[in-house]
Amino acid sequence: MTAEQIIAGVKAKDRLTTEYLYKKYSKALYTVVCRIISNKQIAEEVFHDSFINITRKIQSEYVHDGHFYTWMANICRKFAKEKNKS
């Protein structure tokens, strides 16, 4: 499945596409969070919050520019940095 297909499926609120997105990118995105947050439990919470935010932002904010993974990773980094400050 291409990034365009994933984006279209998530925008259409297709559950299988959202699951595919999670399976395809969760490990890499979780690693992004873990580079900032060393506590595994907190990192998991931050990752899950980030993933939910990603699926919501795809609806309104994502503009396809060929950098889908980078866009998602930036959201995860932002959430992790905000959590690290608190």
PDB file of N, CA and C in Angstrom:
ATOM      1  N   MET A   1       0.852  -1.177   0.000  1.00  0.00           N
ATOM      2  CA  MET A   1       0.000   0.000   0.000  1.00  0.00           C
ATOM      3  C   MET A   1       0.898   1.241   0.000  1.00  0.00           C
ATOM      4  N   THR A   2       0.596   2.180  -0.861  1.00  0.00           N
ATOM      5  CA  THR A   2       1.393   3.408  -0.947  1.00  0.00           C
ATOM      6  C   THR A   2       0.963   4.399   0.132  1.00  0.00           C
ATOM      7  N   ALA A   3       1.787   5.398   0.338  1.00  0.00           N
ATOM      8  CA  ALA A   3       1.446   6.442   1.307  1.00  0.00           C
ATOM      9  C   ALA A   3       0.131   7.116   0.919  1.00  0.00           C
ATOM     10  N   GLU A   4      -0.054   7.345  -0.369  1.00  0.00           N
ATOM     11  CA  GLU A   4      -1.287   7.982  -0.835  1.00  0.00           C
ATOM     12  C   GLU A   4      -2.508   7.131  -0.502  1.00  0.00           C
ATOM     13  N   GLN A   5      -2.388   5.822  -0.674  1.00  0.00           N
ATOM     14  CA  GLN A   5      -3.496   4.915  -0.358  1.00  0.00           C
ATOM     15  C   GLN A   5      -3.767   4.884   1.145  1.00  0.00           C
ATOM     16  N   ILE A   6      -2.705   4.895   1.928  1.00  0.00           N
ATOM     17  CA  ILE A   6      -2.865   4.908   3.384  1.00  0.00           C
ATOM     18  C   ILE A   6      -3.576   6.189   3.811  1.00  0.00           C
ATOM     19  N   ILE A   7      -3.117   7.305   3.304  1.00  0.00           N
ATOM     20  CA  ILE A   7      -3.706   8.597   3.658  1.00  0.00           C
ATOM     21  C   ILE A   7      -5.180   8.631   3.271  1.00  0.00           C
ATOM     22  N   ALA A   8      -5.487   8.191   2.059  1.00  0.00           N
ATOM     23  CA  ALA A   8      -6.879   8.178   1.600  1.00  0.00           C
ATOM     24  C   ALA A   8      -7.733   7.261   2.473  1.00  0.00           C
ATOM     25  N   GLY A   9      -7.202   6.104   2.826  1.00  0.00           N
ATOM     26  CA  GLY A   9      -7.942   5.161   3.658  1.00  0.00           C
ATOM     27  C   GLY A   9      -8.196   5.687   5.053  1.00  0.00           C
ATOM     28  N   VAL A  10      -7.186   6.314   5.639  1.00  0.00           N
ATOM     29  CA  VAL A  10      -7.356   6.877   6.985  1.00  0.00           C
ATOM     30  C   VAL A  10      -8.341   8.043   6.932  1.00  0.00           C
ATOM     31  N   LYS A  11      -8.247   8.861   5.891  1.00  0.00           N
ATOM     32  CA  LYS A  11      -9.207   9.961   5.738  1.00  0.00           C
ATOM     33  C   LYS A  11     -10.629   9.435   5.606  1.00  0.00           C
ATOM     34  N   ALA A  12     -10.768   8.278   4.966  1.00  0.00           N
ATOM     35  CA  ALA A  12     -12.089   7.658   4.800  1.00  0.00           C
ATOM     36  C   ALA A  12     -12.509   6.885   6.052  1.00  0.00           C
ATOM     37  N   LYS A  13     -11.651   6.919   7.072  1.00  0.00           N
ATOM     38  CA  LYS A  13     -11.889   6.240   8.351  1.00  0.00           C
ATOM     39  C   LYS A  13     -12.025   4.727   8.189  1.00  0.00           C
ATOM     40  N   ASP A  14     -11.218   4.199   7.270  1.00  0.00           N
ATOM     41  CA  ASP A  14     -11.190   2.762   7.045  1.00  0.00           C
ATOM     42  C   ASP A  14     -10.341   2.105   8.134  1.00  0.00           C
ATOM     43  N   ARG A  15     -10.953   1.251   8.908  1.00  0.00           N
ATOM     44  CA  ARG A  15     -10.287   0.608  10.042  1.00  0.00           C
ATOM     45  C   ARG A  15      -9.096  -0.239   9.599  1.00  0.00           C
ATOM     46  N   LEU A  16      -9.245  -0.982   8.520  1.00  0.00           N
ATOM     47  CA  LEU A  16      -8.150  -1.844   8.064  1.00  0.00           C
ATOM     48  C   LEU A  16      -6.935  -1.033   7.616  1.00  0.00           C
ATOM     49  N   THR A  17      -7.189   0.097   6.998  1.00  0.00           N
ATOM     50  CA  THR A  17      -6.078   0.953   6.579  1.00  0.00           C
ATOM     51  C   THR A  17      -5.380   1.550   7.797  1.00  0.00           C
ATOM     52  N   THR A  18      -6.152   1.943   8.793  1.00  0.00           N
ATOM     53  CA  THR A  18      -5.557   2.481  10.016  1.00  0.00           C
ATOM     54  C   THR A  18      -4.718   1.411  10.712  1.00  0.00           C
ATOM     55  N   GLU A  19      -5.206   0.187  10.725  1.00  0.00           N
ATOM     56  CA  GLU A  19      -4.428  -0.915  11.294  1.00  0.00           C
ATOM     57  C   GLU A  19      -3.147  -1.140  10.493  1.00  0.00           C
ATOM     58  N   TYR A  20      -3.250  -1.050   9.186  1.00  0.00           N
ATOM     59  CA  TYR A  20      -2.072  -1.210   8.330  1.00  0.00           C
ATOM     60  C   TYR A  20      -1.052  -0.109   8.627  1.00  0.00           C
ATOM     61  N   LEU A  21      -1.530   1.117   8.752  1.00  0.00           N
ATOM     62  CA  LEU A  21      -0.658   2.243   9.092  1.00  0.00           C
ATOM     63  C   LEU A  21       0.080   1.951  10.393  1.00  0.00           C
ATOM     64  N   TYR A  22      -0.649   1.470  11.382  1.00  0.00           N
ATOM     65  CA  TYR A  22      -0.045   1.155  12.678  1.00  0.00           C
ATOM     66  C   TYR A  22       1.010   0.059  12.531  1.00  0.00           C
ATOM     67  N   LYS A  23       0.654  -1.014  11.851  1.00  0.00           N
ATOM     68  CA  LYS A  23       1.592  -2.135  11.695  1.00  0.00           C
ATOM     69  C   LYS A  23       2.841  -1.728  10.921  1.00  0.00           C
ATOM     70  N   LYS A  24       2.656  -0.907   9.918  1.00  0.00           N
ATOM     71  CA  LYS A  24       3.783  -0.526   9.070  1.00  0.00           C
ATOM     72  C   LYS A  24       4.742   0.448   9.758  1.00  0.00           C
ATOM     73  N   TYR A  25       4.221   1.381  10.529  1.00  0.00           N
ATOM     74  CA  TYR A  25       5.055   2.459  11.054  1.00  0.00           C
ATOM     75  C   TYR A  25       5.238   2.476  12.569  1.00  0.00           C
ATOM     76  N   SER A  26       4.506   1.669  13.314  1.00  0.00           N
ATOM     77  CA  SER A  26       4.544   1.796  14.773  1.00  0.00           C
ATOM     78  C   SER A  26       5.937   1.574  15.361  1.00  0.00           C
ATOM     79  N   LYS A  27       6.649   0.585  14.884  1.00  0.00           N
ATOM     80  CA  LYS A  27       7.976   0.301  15.447  1.00  0.00           C
ATOM     81  C   LYS A  27       8.928   1.485  15.237  1.00  0.00           C
ATOM     82  N   ALA A  28       8.950   2.010  14.036  1.00  0.00           N
ATOM     83  CA  ALA A  28       9.848   3.132  13.735  1.00  0.00           C
ATOM     84  C   ALA A  28       9.448   4.386  14.512  1.00  0.00           C
ATOM     85  N   LEU A  29       8.151   4.649  14.594  1.00  0.00           N
ATOM     86  CA  LEU A  29       7.697   5.843  15.306  1.00  0.00           C
ATOM     87  C   LEU A  29       7.898   5.707  16.814  1.00  0.00           C
ATOM     88  N   TYR A  30       7.710   4.510  17.322  1.00  0.00           N
ATOM     89  CA  TYR A  30       7.965   4.270  18.746  1.00  0.00           C
ATOM     90  C   TYR A  30       9.445   4.501  19.054  1.00  0.00           C
ATOM     91  N   THR A  31      10.310   4.105  18.152  1.00  0.00           N
ATOM     92  CA  THR A  31      11.749   4.325  18.317  1.00  0.00           C
ATOM     93  C   THR A  31      12.066   5.818  18.380  1.00  0.00           C
ATOM     94  N   VAL A  32      11.378   6.604  17.569  1.00  0.00           N
ATOM     95  CA  VAL A  32      11.557   8.062  17.603  1.00  0.00           C
ATOM     96  C   VAL A  32      11.247   8.585  19.007  1.00  0.00           C
ATOM     97  N   VAL A  33      10.153   8.119  19.576  1.00  0.00           N
ATOM     98  CA  VAL A  33       9.757   8.550  20.919  1.00  0.00           C
ATOM     99  C   VAL A  33      10.784   8.088  21.953  1.00  0.00           C
ATOM    100  N   CYS A  34      11.242   6.854  21.829  1.00  0.00           N
ATOM    101  CA  CYS A  34      12.189   6.293  22.809  1.00  0.00           C
ATOM    102  C   CYS A  34      13.539   6.998  22.799  1.00  0.00           C
ATOM    103  N   ARG A  35      13.882   7.629  21.714  1.00  0.00           N
ATOM    104  CA  ARG A  35      15.135   8.398  21.673  1.00  0.00           C
ATOM    105  C   ARG A  35      15.056   9.628  22.569  1.00  0.00           C
ATOM    106  N   ILE A  36      13.844  10.051  22.867  1.00  0.00           N
ATOM    107  CA  ILE A  36      13.644  11.249  23.681  1.00  0.00           C
ATOM    108  C   ILE A  36      13.226  10.884  25.105  1.00  0.00           C
ATOM    109  N   ILE A  37      12.428   9.845  25.233  1.00  0.00           N
ATOM    110  CA  ILE A  37      11.914   9.428  26.543  1.00  0.00           C
ATOM    111  C   ILE A  37      12.449   8.038  26.858  1.00  0.00           C
ATOM    112  N   SER A  38      13.200   7.940  27.935  1.00  0.00           N
ATOM    113  CA  SER A  38      13.824   6.654  28.269  1.00  0.00           C
ATOM    114  C   SER A  38      12.896   5.722  29.046  1.00  0.00           C
ATOM    115  N   ASN A  39      11.919   6.268  29.742  1.00  0.00           N
ATOM    116  CA  ASN A  39      10.976   5.450  30.500  1.00  0.00           C
ATOM    117  C   ASN A  39      10.029   4.759  29.519  1.00  0.00           C
ATOM    118  N   LYS A  40      10.087   3.431  29.490  1.00  0.00           N
ATOM    119  CA  LYS A  40       9.335   2.653  28.503  1.00  0.00           C
ATOM    120  C   LYS A  40       7.821   2.868  28.607  1.00  0.00           C
ATOM    121  N   GLN A  41       7.303   2.887  29.819  1.00  0.00           N
ATOM    122  CA  GLN A  41       5.861   3.047  30.009  1.00  0.00           C
ATOM    123  C   GLN A  41       5.392   4.418  29.515  1.00  0.00           C
ATOM    124  N   ILE A  42       6.133   5.443  29.852  1.00  0.00           N
ATOM    125  CA  ILE A  42       5.779   6.792  29.401  1.00  0.00           C
ATOM    126  C   ILE A  42       5.933   6.888  27.885  1.00  0.00           C
ATOM    127  N   ALA A  43       6.978   6.283  27.348  1.00  0.00           N
ATOM    128  CA  ALA A  43       7.193   6.298  25.898  1.00  0.00           C
ATOM    129  C   ALA A  43       6.023   5.637  25.167  1.00  0.00           C
ATOM    130  N   GLU A  44       5.522   4.542  25.709  1.00  0.00           N
ATOM    131  CA  GLU A  44       4.371   3.870  25.095  1.00  0.00           C
ATOM    132  C   GLU A  44       3.140   4.771  25.104  1.00  0.00           C
ATOM    133  N   GLU A  45       2.905   5.440  26.225  1.00  0.00           N
ATOM    134  CA  GLU A  45       1.766   6.358  26.319  1.00  0.00           C
ATOM    135  C   GLU A  45       1.895   7.496  25.306  1.00  0.00           C
ATOM    136  N   VAL A  46       3.088   8.060  25.240  1.00  0.00           N
ATOM    137  CA  VAL A  46       3.327   9.166  24.310  1.00  0.00           C
ATOM    138  C   VAL A  46       3.154   8.693  22.872  1.00  0.00           C
ATOM    139  N   PHE A  47       3.670   7.511  22.566  1.00  0.00           N
ATOM    140  CA  PHE A  47       3.516   6.995  21.206  1.00  0.00           C
ATOM    141  C   PHE A  47       2.043   6.818  20.855  1.00  0.00           C
ATOM    142  N   HIS A  48       1.280   6.224  21.750  1.00  0.00           N
ATOM    143  CA  HIS A  48      -0.136   5.991  21.451  1.00  0.00           C
ATOM    144  C   HIS A  48      -0.899   7.309  21.299  1.00  0.00           C
ATOM    145  N   ASP A  49      -0.598   8.281  22.145  1.00  0.00           N
ATOM    146  CA  ASP A  49      -1.216   9.598  21.995  1.00  0.00           C
ATOM    147  C   ASP A  49      -0.822  10.224  20.655  1.00  0.00           C
ATOM    148  N   SER A  50       0.437  10.060  20.294  1.00  0.00           N
ATOM    149  CA  SER A  50       0.921  10.594  19.018  1.00  0.00           C
ATOM    150  C   SER A  50       0.213   9.936  17.842  1.00  0.00           C
ATOM    151  N   PHE A  51       0.050   8.624  17.916  1.00  0.00           N
ATOM    152  CA  PHE A  51      -0.586   7.906  16.812  1.00  0.00           C
ATOM    153  C   PHE A  51      -2.034   8.357  16.627  1.00  0.00           C
ATOM    154  N   ILE A  52      -2.735   8.515  17.715  1.00  0.00           N
ATOM    155  CA  ILE A  52      -4.117   9.008  17.633  1.00  0.00           C
ATOM    156  C   ILE A  52      -4.124  10.398  17.007  1.00  0.00           C
ATOM    157  N   ASN A  53      -3.186  11.219  17.420  1.00  0.00           N
ATOM    158  CA  ASN A  53      -3.091  12.565  16.866  1.00  0.00           C
ATOM    159  C   ASN A  53      -2.781  12.528  15.370  1.00  0.00           C
ATOM    160  N   ILE A  54      -1.919  11.624  14.965  1.00  0.00           N
ATOM    161  CA  ILE A  54      -1.585  11.474  13.544  1.00  0.00           C
ATOM    162  C   ILE A  54      -2.839  11.147  12.741  1.00  0.00           C
ATOM    163  N   THR A  55      -3.627  10.188  13.222  1.00  0.00           N
ATOM    164  CA  THR A  55      -4.825   9.806  12.468  1.00  0.00           C
ATOM    165  C   THR A  55      -5.831  10.950  12.407  1.00  0.00           C
ATOM    166  N   ARG A  56      -5.865  11.774  13.419  1.00  0.00           N
ATOM    167  CA  ARG A  56      -6.769  12.938  13.398  1.00  0.00           C
ATOM    168  C   ARG A  56      -6.252  14.030  12.465  1.00  0.00           C
ATOM    169  N   LYS A  57      -4.945  14.285  12.535  1.00  0.00           N
ATOM    170  CA  LYS A  57      -4.373  15.356  11.714  1.00  0.00           C
ATOM    171  C   LYS A  57      -4.367  15.012  10.227  1.00  0.00           C
ATOM    172  N   ILE A  58      -4.329  13.735   9.905  1.00  0.00           N
ATOM    173  CA  ILE A  58      -4.405  13.348   8.494  1.00  0.00           C
ATOM    174  C   ILE A  58      -5.690  13.904   7.891  1.00  0.00           C
ATOM    175  N   GLN A  59      -6.743  13.923   8.688  1.00  0.00           N
ATOM    176  CA  GLN A  59      -8.042  14.391   8.206  1.00  0.00           C
ATOM    177  C   GLN A  59      -7.997  15.838   7.720  1.00  0.00           C
ATOM    178  N   SER A  60      -7.254  16.674   8.426  1.00  0.00           N
ATOM    179  CA  SER A  60      -7.351  18.102   8.130  1.00  0.00           C
ATOM    180  C   SER A  60      -6.038  18.799   7.805  1.00  0.00           C
ATOM    181  N   GLU A  61      -4.933  18.286   8.298  1.00  0.00           N
ATOM    182  CA  GLU A  61      -3.693  19.050   8.196  1.00  0.00           C
ATOM    183  C   GLU A  61      -2.653  18.490   7.236  1.00  0.00           C
ATOM    184  N   TYR A  62      -2.722  17.206   6.942  1.00  0.00           N
ATOM    185  CA  TYR A  62      -1.657  16.641   6.119  1.00  0.00           C
ATOM    186  C   TYR A  62      -1.836  17.027   4.660  1.00  0.00           C
ATOM    187  N   VAL A  63      -0.787  17.584   4.095  1.00  0.00           N
ATOM    188  CA  VAL A  63      -0.746  17.895   2.670  1.00  0.00           C
ATOM    189  C   VAL A  63       0.326  16.998   2.075  1.00  0.00           C
ATOM    190  N   HIS A  64      -0.068  16.150   1.144  1.00  0.00           N
ATOM    191  CA  HIS A  64       0.890  15.183   0.601  1.00  0.00           C
ATOM    192  C   HIS A  64       2.011  15.894  -0.138  1.00  0.00           C
ATOM    193  N   ASP A  65       3.197  15.709   0.387  1.00  0.00           N
ATOM    194  CA  ASP A  65       4.375  16.294  -0.248  1.00  0.00           C
ATOM    195  C   ASP A  65       5.494  15.267  -0.383  1.00  0.00           C
ATOM    196  N   GLY A  66       5.136  14.000  -0.195  1.00  0.00           N
ATOM    197  CA  GLY A  66       6.131  12.950  -0.334  1.00  0.00           C
ATOM    198  C   GLY A  66       6.932  12.673   0.923  1.00  0.00           C
ATOM    199  N   HIS A  67       6.587  13.323   2.009  1.00  0.00           N
ATOM    200  CA  HIS A  67       7.329  13.165   3.260  1.00  0.00           C
ATOM    201  C   HIS A  67       6.419  12.673   4.383  1.00  0.00           C
ATOM    202  N   PHE A  68       5.648  11.660   4.117  1.00  0.00           N
ATOM    203  CA  PHE A  68       4.650  11.162   5.058  1.00  0.00           C
ATOM    204  C   PHE A  68       5.281  10.672   6.360  1.00  0.00           C
ATOM    205  N   TYR A  69       6.306   9.840   6.257  1.00  0.00           N
ATOM    206  CA  TYR A  69       6.950   9.331   7.474  1.00  0.00           C
ATOM    207  C   TYR A  69       7.549  10.477   8.287  1.00  0.00           C
ATOM    208  N   THR A  70       8.202  11.401   7.625  1.00  0.00           N
ATOM    209  CA  THR A  70       8.816  12.534   8.322  1.00  0.00           C
ATOM    210  C   THR A  70       7.762  13.347   9.051  1.00  0.00           C
ATOM    211  N   TRP A  71       6.631  13.551   8.415  1.00  0.00           N
ATOM    212  CA  TRP A  71       5.525  14.283   9.039  1.00  0.00           C
ATOM    213  C   TRP A  71       5.071  13.566  10.310  1.00  0.00           C
ATOM    214  N   MET A  72       4.909  12.255  10.235  1.00  0.00           N
ATOM    215  CA  MET A  72       4.487  11.484  11.410  1.00  0.00           C
ATOM    216  C   MET A  72       5.564  11.506  12.495  1.00  0.00           C
ATOM    217  N   ALA A  73       6.815  11.348  12.102  1.00  0.00           N
ATOM    218  CA  ALA A  73       7.918  11.353  13.069  1.00  0.00           C
ATOM    219  C   ALA A  73       8.002  12.697  13.786  1.00  0.00           C
ATOM    220  N   ASN A  74       7.756  13.777  13.072  1.00  0.00           N
ATOM    221  CA  ASN A  74       7.782  15.103  13.696  1.00  0.00           C
ATOM    222  C   ASN A  74       6.683  15.250  14.742  1.00  0.00           C
ATOM    223  N   ILE A  75       5.524  14.683  14.481  1.00  0.00           N
ATOM    224  CA  ILE A  75       4.442  14.711  15.469  1.00  0.00           C
ATOM    225  C   ILE A  75       4.867  13.932  16.711  1.00  0.00           C
ATOM    226  N   CYS A  76       5.457  12.771  16.516  1.00  0.00           N
ATOM    227  CA  CYS A  76       5.921  11.961  17.653  1.00  0.00           C
ATOM    228  C   CYS A  76       6.999  12.694  18.445  1.00  0.00           C
ATOM    229  N   ARG A  77       7.931  13.320  17.755  1.00  0.00           N
ATOM    230  CA  ARG A  77       8.987  14.087  18.431  1.00  0.00           C
ATOM    231  C   ARG A  77       8.392  15.215  19.265  1.00  0.00           C
ATOM    232  N   LYS A  78       7.437  15.915  18.679  1.00  0.00           N
ATOM    233  CA  LYS A  78       6.800  17.034  19.383  1.00  0.00           C
ATOM    234  C   LYS A  78       6.123  16.548  20.661  1.00  0.00           C
ATOM    235  N   PHE A  79       5.361  15.473  20.570  1.00  0.00           N
ATOM    236  CA  PHE A  79       4.691  14.929  21.750  1.00  0.00           C
ATOM    237  C   PHE A  79       5.711  14.498  22.803  1.00  0.00           C
ATOM    238  N   ALA A  80       6.773  13.848  22.369  1.00  0.00           N
ATOM    239  CA  ALA A  80       7.793  13.364  23.306  1.00  0.00           C
ATOM    240  C   ALA A  80       8.509  14.525  23.991  1.00  0.00           C
ATOM    241  N   LYS A  81       8.844  15.543  23.236  1.00  0.00           N
ATOM    242  CA  LYS A  81       9.526  16.705  23.818  1.00  0.00           C
ATOM    243  C   LYS A  81       8.622  17.434  24.803  1.00  0.00           C
ATOM    244  N   GLU A  82       7.343  17.545  24.465  1.00  0.00           N
ATOM    245  CA  GLU A  82       6.400  18.190  25.381  1.00  0.00           C
ATOM    246  C   GLU A  82       6.275  17.390  26.674  1.00  0.00           C
ATOM    247  N   LYS A  83       6.228  16.071  26.559  1.00  0.00           N
ATOM    248  CA  LYS A  83       6.128  15.219  27.750  1.00  0.00           C
ATOM    249  C   LYS A  83       7.406  15.305  28.577  1.00  0.00           C
ATOM    250  N   ASN A  84       8.532  15.401  27.918  1.00  0.00           N
ATOM    251  CA  ASN A  84       9.818  15.492  28.608  1.00  0.00           C
ATOM    252  C   ASN A  84       9.926  16.778  29.424  1.00  0.00           C
ATOM    253  N   LYS A  85       9.280  17.836  28.962  1.00  0.00           N
ATOM    254  CA  LYS A  85       9.312  19.117  29.676  1.00  0.00           C
ATOM    255  C   LYS A  85       8.511  19.067  30.968  1.00  0.00           C
ATOM    256  N   SER A  86       7.468  18.237  30.979  1.00  0.00           N
ATOM    257  CA  SER A  86       6.595  18.212  32.168  1.00  0.00           C
ATOM    258  C   SER A  86       7.121  17.332  33.270  1.00  0.00           C
TER     259      SER A  86
END
